[in-house]
Amino acid sequence: MAMLFEAQAVPLRTDEDGVIRVGNSRVTLSTIVHAFDAGYTAEEIVTDFPMLQLADVYGVIAYLLNNRDSIAIYLAEEQRAAEDIRQEIERRSDSIQFRERLLARAQLAGLIE
């Protein structure tokens, strides 16, 4: 009897914000990549994120191992976008003045010198 092999789709999807997520969960591709690169096994990742299916995590890891360059580009773009958002938030807020007010209050209260 011959075994039949069926190609499986990579369990990744892009949400409405352009973020790549795993299976039907809200867990991001970058979360899995960072956990795997930190030495976590697929089983440990599923333990930390029980909404994931073990087979999906293995599928993502296989995809990661076969597509490191394209995933590195995606993660770099994601990081740049996050940095742009952080800079925009800082530009819009008065965080420097807010910090100075907090420090002044702390000094008045004798909490810091």
PDB file of N, CA and C in Angstrom:
ATOM      1  N   MET A   1       0.842  -1.182   0.000  1.00  0.00           N
ATOM      2  CA  MET A   1       0.000   0.000   0.000  1.00  0.00           C
ATOM      3  C   MET A   1       0.885   1.244   0.000  1.00  0.00           C
ATOM      4  N   ALA A   2       0.634   2.135  -0.909  1.00  0.00           N
ATOM      5  CA  ALA A   2       1.415   3.364  -1.025  1.00  0.00           C
ATOM      6  C   ALA A   2       0.817   4.441  -0.130  1.00  0.00           C
ATOM      7  N   MET A   3       1.708   5.192   0.508  1.00  0.00           N
ATOM      8  CA  MET A   3       1.242   6.303   1.350  1.00  0.00           C
ATOM      9  C   MET A   3       0.958   7.512   0.461  1.00  0.00           C
ATOM     10  N   LEU A   4      -0.074   8.210   0.771  1.00  0.00           N
ATOM     11  CA  LEU A   4      -0.401   9.436   0.052  1.00  0.00           C
ATOM     12  C   LEU A   4       0.075  10.619   0.884  1.00  0.00           C
ATOM     13  N   PHE A   5       0.742  11.534   0.244  1.00  0.00           N
ATOM     14  CA  PHE A   5       1.217  12.738   0.923  1.00  0.00           C
ATOM     15  C   PHE A   5       0.436  13.929   0.401  1.00  0.00           C
ATOM     16  N   GLU A   6      -0.076  14.674   1.331  1.00  0.00           N
ATOM     17  CA  GLU A   6      -0.860  15.852   0.975  1.00  0.00           C
ATOM     18  C   GLU A   6      -0.103  17.089   1.425  1.00  0.00           C
ATOM     19  N   ALA A   7       0.086  18.020   0.511  1.00  0.00           N
ATOM     20  CA  ALA A   7       0.756  19.277   0.863  1.00  0.00           C
ATOM     21  C   ALA A   7      -0.117  20.056   1.839  1.00  0.00           C
ATOM     22  N   GLN A   8       0.513  20.586   2.847  1.00  0.00           N
ATOM     23  CA  GLN A   8      -0.199  21.361   3.859  1.00  0.00           C
ATOM     24  C   GLN A   8       0.136  22.838   3.672  1.00  0.00           C
ATOM     25  N   ALA A   9      -0.847  23.679   3.796  1.00  0.00           N
ATOM     26  CA  ALA A   9      -0.615  25.123   3.717  1.00  0.00           C
ATOM     27  C   ALA A   9       0.089  25.590   4.983  1.00  0.00           C
ATOM     28  N   VAL A  10       0.937  26.582   4.846  1.00  0.00           N
ATOM     29  CA  VAL A  10       1.595  27.162   6.015  1.00  0.00           C
ATOM     30  C   VAL A  10       0.514  27.878   6.825  1.00  0.00           C
ATOM     31  N   PRO A  11       0.432  27.621   8.121  1.00  0.00           N
ATOM     32  CA  PRO A  11      -0.653  28.182   8.935  1.00  0.00           C
ATOM     33  C   PRO A  11      -0.401  29.642   9.316  1.00  0.00           C
ATOM     34  N   LEU A  12      -0.224  30.473   8.311  1.00  0.00           N
ATOM     35  CA  LEU A  12      -0.009  31.902   8.531  1.00  0.00           C
ATOM     36  C   LEU A  12      -1.059  32.681   7.760  1.00  0.00           C
ATOM     37  N   ARG A  13      -1.466  33.791   8.334  1.00  0.00           N
ATOM     38  CA  ARG A  13      -2.421  34.672   7.655  1.00  0.00           C
ATOM     39  C   ARG A  13      -2.041  36.114   7.974  1.00  0.00           C
ATOM     40  N   THR A  14      -2.382  36.993   7.071  1.00  0.00           N
ATOM     41  CA  THR A  14      -2.130  38.412   7.276  1.00  0.00           C
ATOM     42  C   THR A  14      -3.443  39.069   7.690  1.00  0.00           C
ATOM     43  N   ASP A  15      -3.422  39.781   8.822  1.00  0.00           N
ATOM     44  CA  ASP A  15      -4.656  40.419   9.289  1.00  0.00           C
ATOM     45  C   ASP A  15      -4.873  41.755   8.580  1.00  0.00           C
ATOM     46  N   GLU A  16      -5.928  42.443   8.965  1.00  0.00           N
ATOM     47  CA  GLU A  16      -6.312  43.699   8.309  1.00  0.00           C
ATOM     48  C   GLU A  16      -5.273  44.805   8.488  1.00  0.00           C
ATOM     49  N   ASP A  17      -4.386  44.672   9.460  1.00  0.00           N
ATOM     50  CA  ASP A  17      -3.334  45.661   9.692  1.00  0.00           C
ATOM     51  C   ASP A  17      -2.013  45.268   9.045  1.00  0.00           C
ATOM     52  N   GLY A  18      -2.003  44.151   8.326  1.00  0.00           N
ATOM     53  CA  GLY A  18      -0.784  43.694   7.672  1.00  0.00           C
ATOM     54  C   GLY A  18       0.136  42.896   8.564  1.00  0.00           C
ATOM     55  N   VAL A  19      -0.342  42.503   9.748  1.00  0.00           N
ATOM     56  CA  VAL A  19       0.452  41.715  10.692  1.00  0.00           C
ATOM     57  C   VAL A  19       0.229  40.237  10.385  1.00  0.00           C
ATOM     58  N   ILE A  20       1.316  39.471  10.327  1.00  0.00           N
ATOM     59  CA  ILE A  20       1.205  38.044  10.057  1.00  0.00           C
ATOM     60  C   ILE A  20       0.939  37.316  11.373  1.00  0.00           C
ATOM     61  N   ARG A  21      -0.128  36.527  11.380  1.00  0.00           N
ATOM     62  CA  ARG A  21      -0.553  35.801  12.577  1.00  0.00           C
ATOM     63  C   ARG A  21      -0.583  34.302  12.295  1.00  0.00           C
ATOM     64  N   VAL A  22      -0.515  33.521  13.369  1.00  0.00           N
ATOM     65  CA  VAL A  22      -0.433  32.068  13.267  1.00  0.00           C
ATOM     66  C   VAL A  22      -1.814  31.453  13.386  1.00  0.00           C
ATOM     67  N   GLY A  23      -2.160  30.615  12.404  1.00  0.00           N
ATOM     68  CA  GLY A  23      -3.442  29.910  12.425  1.00  0.00           C
ATOM     69  C   GLY A  23      -4.601  30.860  12.605  1.00  0.00           C
ATOM     70  N   ASN A  24      -5.546  30.477  13.437  1.00  0.00           N
ATOM     71  CA  ASN A  24      -6.714  31.316  13.719  1.00  0.00           C
ATOM     72  C   ASN A  24      -6.521  32.153  14.975  1.00  0.00           C
ATOM     73  N   SER A  25      -5.301  32.180  15.489  1.00  0.00           N
ATOM     74  CA  SER A  25      -5.035  32.907  16.732  1.00  0.00           C
ATOM     75  C   SER A  25      -4.618  34.345  16.436  1.00  0.00           C
ATOM     76  N   ARG A  26      -4.405  35.102  17.498  1.00  0.00           N
ATOM     77  CA  ARG A  26      -3.887  36.469  17.378  1.00  0.00           C
ATOM     78  C   ARG A  26      -2.380  36.502  17.622  1.00  0.00           C
ATOM     79  N   VAL A  27      -1.768  35.335  17.822  1.00  0.00           N
ATOM     80  CA  VAL A  27      -0.334  35.245  18.053  1.00  0.00           C
ATOM     81  C   VAL A  27       0.387  35.588  16.749  1.00  0.00           C
ATOM     82  N   THR A  28       1.388  36.452  16.860  1.00  0.00           N
ATOM     83  CA  THR A  28       2.087  36.911  15.661  1.00  0.00           C
ATOM     84  C   THR A  28       3.228  35.985  15.263  1.00  0.00           C
ATOM     85  N   LEU A  29       3.564  36.057  13.991  1.00  0.00           N
ATOM     86  CA  LEU A  29       4.722  35.328  13.480  1.00  0.00           C
ATOM     87  C   LEU A  29       5.970  35.741  14.243  1.00  0.00           C
ATOM     88  N   SER A  30       6.115  37.033  14.495  1.00  0.00           N
ATOM     89  CA  SER A  30       7.318  37.499  15.192  1.00  0.00           C
ATOM     90  C   SER A  30       7.424  36.896  16.592  1.00  0.00           C
ATOM     91  N   THR A  31       6.309  36.665  17.261  1.00  0.00           N
ATOM     92  CA  THR A  31       6.327  36.030  18.581  1.00  0.00           C
ATOM     93  C   THR A  31       6.914  34.632  18.491  1.00  0.00           C
ATOM     94  N   ILE A  32       6.484  33.859  17.491  1.00  0.00           N
ATOM     95  CA  ILE A  32       6.982  32.496  17.316  1.00  0.00           C
ATOM     96  C   ILE A  32       8.463  32.524  16.946  1.00  0.00           C
ATOM     97  N   VAL A  33       8.839  33.411  16.040  1.00  0.00           N
ATOM     98  CA  VAL A  33      10.240  33.501  15.612  1.00  0.00           C
ATOM     99  C   VAL A  33      11.137  33.835  16.791  1.00  0.00           C
ATOM    100  N   HIS A  34      10.763  34.828  17.580  1.00  0.00           N
ATOM    101  CA  HIS A  34      11.594  35.228  18.719  1.00  0.00           C
ATOM    102  C   HIS A  34      11.681  34.117  19.765  1.00  0.00           C
ATOM    103  N   ALA A  35      10.573  33.434  20.011  1.00  0.00           N
ATOM    104  CA  ALA A  35      10.591  32.335  20.981  1.00  0.00           C
ATOM    105  C   ALA A  35      11.488  31.202  20.472  1.00  0.00           C
ATOM    106  N   PHE A  36      11.333  30.836  19.217  1.00  0.00           N
ATOM    107  CA  PHE A  36      12.145  29.748  18.655  1.00  0.00           C
ATOM    108  C   PHE A  36      13.620  30.123  18.665  1.00  0.00           C
ATOM    109  N   ASP A  37      13.933  31.358  18.271  1.00  0.00           N
ATOM    110  CA  ASP A  37      15.326  31.816  18.268  1.00  0.00           C
ATOM    111  C   ASP A  37      15.907  31.887  19.677  1.00  0.00           C
ATOM    112  N   ALA A  38      15.043  32.033  20.682  1.00  0.00           N
ATOM    113  CA  ALA A  38      15.494  32.062  22.075  1.00  0.00           C
ATOM    114  C   ALA A  38      15.676  30.650  22.637  1.00  0.00           C
ATOM    115  N   GLY A  39      15.377  29.635  21.823  1.00  0.00           N
ATOM    116  CA  GLY A  39      15.601  28.264  22.254  1.00  0.00           C
ATOM    117  C   GLY A  39      14.365  27.500  22.688  1.00  0.00           C
ATOM    118  N   TYR A  40      13.194  28.105  22.601  1.00  0.00           N
ATOM    119  CA  TYR A  40      11.965  27.410  22.980  1.00  0.00           C
ATOM    120  C   TYR A  40      11.638  26.336  21.952  1.00  0.00           C
ATOM    121  N   THR A  41      11.154  25.203  22.427  1.00  0.00           N
ATOM    122  CA  THR A  41      10.685  24.152  21.529  1.00  0.00           C
ATOM    123  C   THR A  41       9.241  24.473  21.125  1.00  0.00           C
ATOM    124  N   ALA A  42       8.754  23.761  20.121  1.00  0.00           N
ATOM    125  CA  ALA A  42       7.360  23.940  19.708  1.00  0.00           C
ATOM    126  C   ALA A  42       6.418  23.646  20.865  1.00  0.00           C
ATOM    127  N   GLU A  43       6.728  22.610  21.631  1.00  0.00           N
ATOM    128  CA  GLU A  43       5.882  22.253  22.778  1.00  0.00           C
ATOM    129  C   GLU A  43       5.870  23.357  23.827  1.00  0.00           C
ATOM    130  N   GLU A  44       7.016  23.963  24.079  1.00  0.00           N
ATOM    131  CA  GLU A  44       7.074  25.059  25.052  1.00  0.00           C
ATOM    132  C   GLU A  44       6.303  26.278  24.556  1.00  0.00           C
ATOM    133  N   ILE A  45       6.372  26.545  23.263  1.00  0.00           N
ATOM    134  CA  ILE A  45       5.635  27.674  22.693  1.00  0.00           C
ATOM    135  C   ILE A  45       4.133  27.458  22.871  1.00  0.00           C
ATOM    136  N   VAL A  46       3.668  26.236  22.606  1.00  0.00           N
ATOM    137  CA  VAL A  46       2.237  25.930  22.766  1.00  0.00           C
ATOM    138  C   VAL A  46       1.837  26.006  24.237  1.00  0.00           C
ATOM    139  N   THR A  47       2.743  25.639  25.129  1.00  0.00           N
ATOM    140  CA  THR A  47       2.452  25.755  26.562  1.00  0.00           C
ATOM    141  C   THR A  47       2.261  27.223  26.939  1.00  0.00           C
ATOM    142  N   ASP A  48       3.098  28.096  26.381  1.00  0.00           N
ATOM    143  CA  ASP A  48       2.976  29.527  26.658  1.00  0.00           C
ATOM    144  C   ASP A  48       1.791  30.171  25.941  1.00  0.00           C
ATOM    145  N   PHE A  49       1.410  29.609  24.803  1.00  0.00           N
ATOM    146  CA  PHE A  49       0.303  30.146  24.002  1.00  0.00           C
ATOM    147  C   PHE A  49      -0.664  29.005  23.686  1.00  0.00           C
ATOM    148  N   PRO A  50      -1.482  28.600  24.662  1.00  0.00           N
ATOM    149  CA  PRO A  50      -2.328  27.420  24.491  1.00  0.00           C
ATOM    150  C   PRO A  50      -3.392  27.548  23.398  1.00  0.00           C
ATOM    151  N   MET A  51      -3.592  28.756  22.874  1.00  0.00           N
ATOM    152  CA  MET A  51      -4.554  28.895  21.787  1.00  0.00           C
ATOM    153  C   MET A  51      -3.985  28.393  20.461  1.00  0.00           C
ATOM    154  N   LEU A  52      -2.673  28.107  20.440  1.00  0.00           N
ATOM    155  CA  LEU A  52      -2.020  27.592  19.234  1.00  0.00           C
ATOM    156  C   LEU A  52      -2.136  26.079  19.159  1.00  0.00           C
ATOM    157  N   GLN A  53      -2.124  25.579  17.952  1.00  0.00           N
ATOM    158  CA  GLN A  53      -2.082  24.140  17.717  1.00  0.00           C
ATOM    159  C   GLN A  53      -0.626  23.733  17.517  1.00  0.00           C
ATOM    160  N   LEU A  54      -0.224  22.623  18.103  1.00  0.00           N
ATOM    161  CA  LEU A  54       1.162  22.167  17.992  1.00  0.00           C
ATOM    162  C   LEU A  54       1.570  21.994  16.529  1.00  0.00           C
ATOM    163  N   ALA A  55       0.713  21.432  15.727  1.00  0.00           N
ATOM    164  CA  ALA A  55       1.027  21.231  14.305  1.00  0.00           C
ATOM    165  C   ALA A  55       1.259  22.575  13.606  1.00  0.00           C
ATOM    166  N   ASP A  56       0.488  23.601  13.979  1.00  0.00           N
ATOM    167  CA  ASP A  56       0.678  24.928  13.387  1.00  0.00           C
ATOM    168  C   ASP A  56       2.038  25.497  13.756  1.00  0.00           C
ATOM    169  N   VAL A  57       2.447  25.321  15.007  1.00  0.00           N
ATOM    170  CA  VAL A  57       3.745  25.844  15.441  1.00  0.00           C
ATOM    171  C   VAL A  57       4.868  25.131  14.700  1.00  0.00           C
ATOM    172  N   TYR A  58       4.771  23.826  14.571  1.00  0.00           N
ATOM    173  CA  TYR A  58       5.772  23.098  13.790  1.00  0.00           C
ATOM    174  C   TYR A  58       5.782  23.564  12.342  1.00  0.00           C
ATOM    175  N   GLY A  59       4.603  23.824  11.779  1.00  0.00           N
ATOM    176  CA  GLY A  59       4.530  24.324  10.407  1.00  0.00           C
ATOM    177  C   GLY A  59       5.209  25.677  10.256  1.00  0.00           C
ATOM    178  N   VAL A  60       4.998  26.539  11.227  1.00  0.00           N
ATOM    179  CA  VAL A  60       5.629  27.868  11.194  1.00  0.00           C
ATOM    180  C   VAL A  60       7.143  27.731  11.346  1.00  0.00           C
ATOM    181  N   ILE A  61       7.586  26.846  12.232  1.00  0.00           N
ATOM    182  CA  ILE A  61       9.031  26.642  12.416  1.00  0.00           C
ATOM    183  C   ILE A  61       9.652  26.094  11.129  1.00  0.00           C
ATOM    184  N   ALA A  62       8.990  25.152  10.480  1.00  0.00           N
ATOM    185  CA  ALA A  62       9.496  24.627   9.209  1.00  0.00           C
ATOM    186  C   ALA A  62       9.582  25.742   8.174  1.00  0.00           C
ATOM    187  N   TYR A  63       8.537  26.566   8.111  1.00  0.00           N
ATOM    188  CA  TYR A  63       8.545  27.693   7.174  1.00  0.00           C
ATOM    189  C   TYR A  63       9.690  28.653   7.504  1.00  0.00           C
ATOM    190  N   LEU A  64       9.876  28.929   8.785  1.00  0.00           N
ATOM    191  CA  LEU A  64      10.949  29.809   9.235  1.00  0.00           C
ATOM    192  C   LEU A  64      12.310  29.271   8.795  1.00  0.00           C
ATOM    193  N   LEU A  65      12.547  27.990   9.009  1.00  0.00           N
ATOM    194  CA  LEU A  65      13.837  27.400   8.665  1.00  0.00           C
ATOM    195  C   LEU A  65      14.106  27.426   7.161  1.00  0.00           C
ATOM    196  N   ASN A  66      13.049  27.382   6.372  1.00  0.00           N
ATOM    197  CA  ASN A  66      13.196  27.391   4.915  1.00  0.00           C
ATOM    198  C   ASN A  66      13.154  28.785   4.297  1.00  0.00           C
ATOM    199  N   ASN A  67      12.795  29.795   5.096  1.00  0.00           N
ATOM    200  CA  ASN A  67      12.602  31.142   4.544  1.00  0.00           C
ATOM    201  C   ASN A  67      13.185  32.219   5.448  1.00  0.00           C
ATOM    202  N   ARG A  68      14.333  31.977   6.026  1.00  0.00           N
ATOM    203  CA  ARG A  68      14.935  32.924   6.977  1.00  0.00           C
ATOM    204  C   ARG A  68      15.081  34.323   6.390  1.00  0.00           C
ATOM    205  N   ASP A  69      15.530  34.409   5.144  1.00  0.00           N
ATOM    206  CA  ASP A  69      15.787  35.729   4.551  1.00  0.00           C
ATOM    207  C   ASP A  69      14.508  36.556   4.420  1.00  0.00           C
ATOM    208  N   SER A  70      13.449  35.958   3.893  1.00  0.00           N
ATOM    209  CA  SER A  70      12.204  36.721   3.717  1.00  0.00           C
ATOM    210  C   SER A  70      11.584  37.076   5.066  1.00  0.00           C
ATOM    211  N   ILE A  71      11.707  36.188   6.038  1.00  0.00           N
ATOM    212  CA  ILE A  71      11.179  36.494   7.371  1.00  0.00           C
ATOM    213  C   ILE A  71      12.002  37.593   8.029  1.00  0.00           C
ATOM    214  N   ALA A  72      13.315  37.586   7.828  1.00  0.00           N
ATOM    215  CA  ALA A  72      14.165  38.647   8.381  1.00  0.00           C
ATOM    216  C   ALA A  72      13.778  40.003   7.794  1.00  0.00           C
ATOM    217  N   ILE A  73      13.463  40.029   6.512  1.00  0.00           N
ATOM    218  CA  ILE A  73      13.022  41.275   5.878  1.00  0.00           C
ATOM    219  C   ILE A  73      11.699  41.736   6.481  1.00  0.00           C
ATOM    220  N   TYR A  74      10.753  40.812   6.648  1.00  0.00           N
ATOM    221  CA  TYR A  74       9.460  41.150   7.249  1.00  0.00           C
ATOM    222  C   TYR A  74       9.648  41.689   8.662  1.00  0.00           C
ATOM    223  N   LEU A  75      10.471  41.016   9.470  1.00  0.00           N
ATOM    224  CA  LEU A  75      10.684  41.451  10.856  1.00  0.00           C
ATOM    225  C   LEU A  75      11.359  42.816  10.904  1.00  0.00           C
ATOM    226  N   ALA A  76      12.290  43.079   9.983  1.00  0.00           N
ATOM    227  CA  ALA A  76      12.948  44.387   9.938  1.00  0.00           C
ATOM    228  C   ALA A  76      11.940  45.475   9.570  1.00  0.00           C
ATOM    229  N   GLU A  77      11.056  45.193   8.633  1.00  0.00           N
ATOM    230  CA  GLU A  77      10.009  46.160   8.260  1.00  0.00           C
ATOM    231  C   GLU A  77       9.062  46.395   9.426  1.00  0.00           C
ATOM    232  N   GLU A  78       8.715  45.326  10.135  1.00  0.00           N
ATOM    233  CA  GLU A  78       7.843  45.448  11.305  1.00  0.00           C
ATOM    234  C   GLU A  78       8.506  46.316  12.372  1.00  0.00           C
ATOM    235  N   GLN A  79       9.791  46.120  12.585  1.00  0.00           N
ATOM    236  CA  GLN A  79      10.546  46.904  13.571  1.00  0.00           C
ATOM    237  C   GLN A  79      10.616  48.379  13.161  1.00  0.00           C
ATOM    238  N   ARG A  80      10.848  48.632  11.878  1.00  0.00           N
ATOM    239  CA  ARG A  80      10.880  50.019  11.392  1.00  0.00           C
ATOM    240  C   ARG A  80       9.527  50.700  11.587  1.00  0.00           C
ATOM    241  N   ALA A  81       8.458  49.979  11.292  1.00  0.00           N
ATOM    242  CA  ALA A  81       7.111  50.534  11.471  1.00  0.00           C
ATOM    243  C   ALA A  81       6.850  50.850  12.935  1.00  0.00           C
ATOM    244  N   ALA A  82       7.267  49.959  13.832  1.00  0.00           N
ATOM    245  CA  ALA A  82       7.089  50.197  15.269  1.00  0.00           C
ATOM    246  C   ALA A  82       7.886  51.417  15.716  1.00  0.00           C
ATOM    247  N   GLU A  83       9.088  51.571  15.201  1.00  0.00           N
ATOM    248  CA  GLU A  83       9.922  52.728  15.545  1.00  0.00           C
ATOM    249  C   GLU A  83       9.293  54.018  15.024  1.00  0.00           C
ATOM    250  N   ASP A  84       8.736  53.983  13.814  1.00  0.00           N
ATOM    251  CA  ASP A  84       8.054  55.159  13.265  1.00  0.00           C
ATOM    252  C   ASP A  84       6.869  55.554  14.148  1.00  0.00           C
ATOM    253  N   ILE A  85       6.106  54.571  14.603  1.00  0.00           N
ATOM    254  CA  ILE A  85       4.958  54.846  15.471  1.00  0.00           C
ATOM    255  C   ILE A  85       5.429  55.432  16.801  1.00  0.00           C
ATOM    256  N   ARG A  86       6.493  54.850  17.368  1.00  0.00           N
ATOM    257  CA  ARG A  86       7.028  55.358  18.635  1.00  0.00           C
ATOM    258  C   ARG A  86       7.469  56.804  18.500  1.00  0.00           C
ATOM    259  N   GLN A  87       8.159  57.119  17.412  1.00  0.00           N
ATOM    260  CA  GLN A  87       8.616  58.496  17.198  1.00  0.00           C
ATOM    261  C   GLN A  87       7.437  59.444  17.015  1.00  0.00           C
ATOM    262  N   GLU A  88       6.412  59.001  16.322  1.00  0.00           N
ATOM    263  CA  GLU A  88       5.223  59.835  16.124  1.00  0.00           C
ATOM    264  C   GLU A  88       4.526  60.105  17.451  1.00  0.00           C
ATOM    265  N   ILE A  89       4.416  59.093  18.287  1.00  0.00           N
ATOM    266  CA  ILE A  89       3.793  59.271  19.602  1.00  0.00           C
ATOM    267  C   ILE A  89       4.604  60.251  20.430  1.00  0.00           C
ATOM    268  N   GLU A  90       5.911  60.093  20.422  1.00  0.00           N
ATOM    269  CA  GLU A  90       6.767  61.007  21.186  1.00  0.00           C
ATOM    270  C   GLU A  90       6.679  62.430  20.645  1.00  0.00           C
ATOM    271  N   ARG A  91       6.600  62.558  19.323  1.00  0.00           N
ATOM    272  CA  ARG A  91       6.502  63.884  18.712  1.00  0.00           C
ATOM    273  C   ARG A  91       5.193  64.570  19.099  1.00  0.00           C
ATOM    274  N   ARG A  92       4.109  63.811  19.165  1.00  0.00           N
ATOM    275  CA  ARG A  92       2.800  64.376  19.485  1.00  0.00           C
ATOM    276  C   ARG A  92       2.610  64.665  20.967  1.00  0.00           C
ATOM    277  N   SER A  93       3.298  63.930  21.816  1.00  0.00           N
ATOM    278  CA  SER A  93       3.055  64.085  23.245  1.00  0.00           C
ATOM    279  C   SER A  93       4.004  65.101  23.848  1.00  0.00           C
ATOM    280  N   ASP A  94       3.651  65.530  25.014  1.00  0.00           N
ATOM    281  CA  ASP A  94       4.531  66.431  25.750  1.00  0.00           C
ATOM    282  C   ASP A  94       5.254  65.638  26.829  1.00  0.00           C
ATOM    283  N   SER A  95       5.770  64.475  26.444  1.00  0.00           N
ATOM    284  CA  SER A  95       6.369  63.573  27.419  1.00  0.00           C
ATOM    285  C   SER A  95       7.568  64.200  28.131  1.00  0.00           C
ATOM    286  N   ILE A  96       8.319  65.041  27.454  1.00  0.00           N
ATOM    287  CA  ILE A  96       9.467  65.672  28.105  1.00  0.00           C
ATOM    288  C   ILE A  96       8.989  66.617  29.206  1.00  0.00           C
ATOM    289  N   GLN A  97       7.996  67.436  28.891  1.00  0.00           N
ATOM    290  CA  GLN A  97       7.461  68.342  29.900  1.00  0.00           C
ATOM    291  C   GLN A  97       6.792  67.571  31.034  1.00  0.00           C
ATOM    292  N   PHE A  98       6.084  66.498  30.694  1.00  0.00           N
ATOM    293  CA  PHE A  98       5.432  65.667  31.700  1.00  0.00           C
ATOM    294  C   PHE A  98       6.470  65.067  32.642  1.00  0.00           C
ATOM    295  N   ARG A  99       7.565  64.553  32.088  1.00  0.00           N
ATOM    296  CA  ARG A  99       8.642  63.974  32.905  1.00  0.00           C
ATOM    297  C   ARG A  99       9.229  65.042  33.828  1.00  0.00           C
ATOM    298  N   GLU A 100       9.446  66.239  33.291  1.00  0.00           N
ATOM    299  CA  GLU A 100      10.015  67.314  34.105  1.00  0.00           C
ATOM    300  C   GLU A 100       9.080  67.690  35.255  1.00  0.00           C
ATOM    301  N   ARG A 101       7.766  67.717  34.982  1.00  0.00           N
ATOM    302  CA  ARG A 101       6.797  68.013  36.050  1.00  0.00           C
ATOM    303  C   ARG A 101       6.813  66.931  37.130  1.00  0.00           C
ATOM    304  N   LEU A 102       6.881  65.675  36.708  1.00  0.00           N
ATOM    305  CA  LEU A 102       6.942  64.585  37.674  1.00  0.00           C
ATOM    306  C   LEU A 102       8.205  64.661  38.526  1.00  0.00           C
ATOM    307  N   LEU A 103       9.334  64.952  37.899  1.00  0.00           N
ATOM    308  CA  LEU A 103      10.583  65.069  38.651  1.00  0.00           C
ATOM    309  C   LEU A 103      10.522  66.225  39.639  1.00  0.00           C
ATOM    310  N   ALA A 104       9.944  67.347  39.219  1.00  0.00           N
ATOM    311  CA  ALA A 104       9.824  68.496  40.112  1.00  0.00           C
ATOM    312  C   ALA A 104       8.954  68.152  41.322  1.00  0.00           C
ATOM    313  N   ARG A 105       7.849  67.468  41.097  1.00  0.00           N
ATOM    314  CA  ARG A 105       6.972  67.059  42.198  1.00  0.00           C
ATOM    315  C   ARG A 105       7.685  66.097  43.138  1.00  0.00           C
ATOM    316  N   ALA A 106       8.442  65.180  42.575  1.00  0.00           N
ATOM    317  CA  ALA A 106       9.168  64.213  43.387  1.00  0.00           C
ATOM    318  C   ALA A 106      10.215  64.920  44.227  1.00  0.00           C
ATOM    319  N   GLN A 107      10.859  65.928  43.680  1.00  0.00           N
ATOM    320  CA  GLN A 107      11.857  66.689  44.433  1.00  0.00           C
ATOM    321  C   GLN A 107      11.181  67.467  45.573  1.00  0.00           C
ATOM    322  N   LEU A 108      10.038  68.095  45.268  1.00  0.00           N
ATOM    323  CA  LEU A 108       9.305  68.827  46.298  1.00  0.00           C
ATOM    324  C   LEU A 108       8.858  67.916  47.439  1.00  0.00           C
ATOM    325  N   ALA A 109       8.510  66.698  47.083  1.00  0.00           N
ATOM    326  CA  ALA A 109       8.054  65.746  48.094  1.00  0.00           C
ATOM    327  C   ALA A 109       9.220  65.094  48.825  1.00  0.00           C
ATOM    328  N   GLY A 110      10.435  65.420  48.399  1.00  0.00           N
ATOM    329  CA  GLY A 110      11.616  64.855  49.034  1.00  0.00           C
ATOM    330  C   GLY A 110      11.887  63.406  48.652  1.00  0.00           C
ATOM    331  N   LEU A 111      11.284  62.948  47.555  1.00  0.00           N
ATOM    332  CA  LEU A 111      11.486  61.577  47.124  1.00  0.00           C
ATOM    333  C   LEU A 111      12.814  61.386  46.393  1.00  0.00           C
ATOM    334  N   ILE A 112      13.295  62.459  45.751  1.00  0.00           N
ATOM    335  CA  ILE A 112      14.585  62.424  45.074  1.00  0.00           C
ATOM    336  C   ILE A 112      15.328  63.725  45.333  1.00  0.00           C
ATOM    337  N   GLU A 113      16.606  63.713  45.107  1.00  0.00           N
ATOM    338  CA  GLU A 113      17.405  64.920  45.324  1.00  0.00           C
ATOM    339  C   GLU A 113      17.553  65.705  44.052  1.00  0.00           C
TER     340      GLU A 113
END
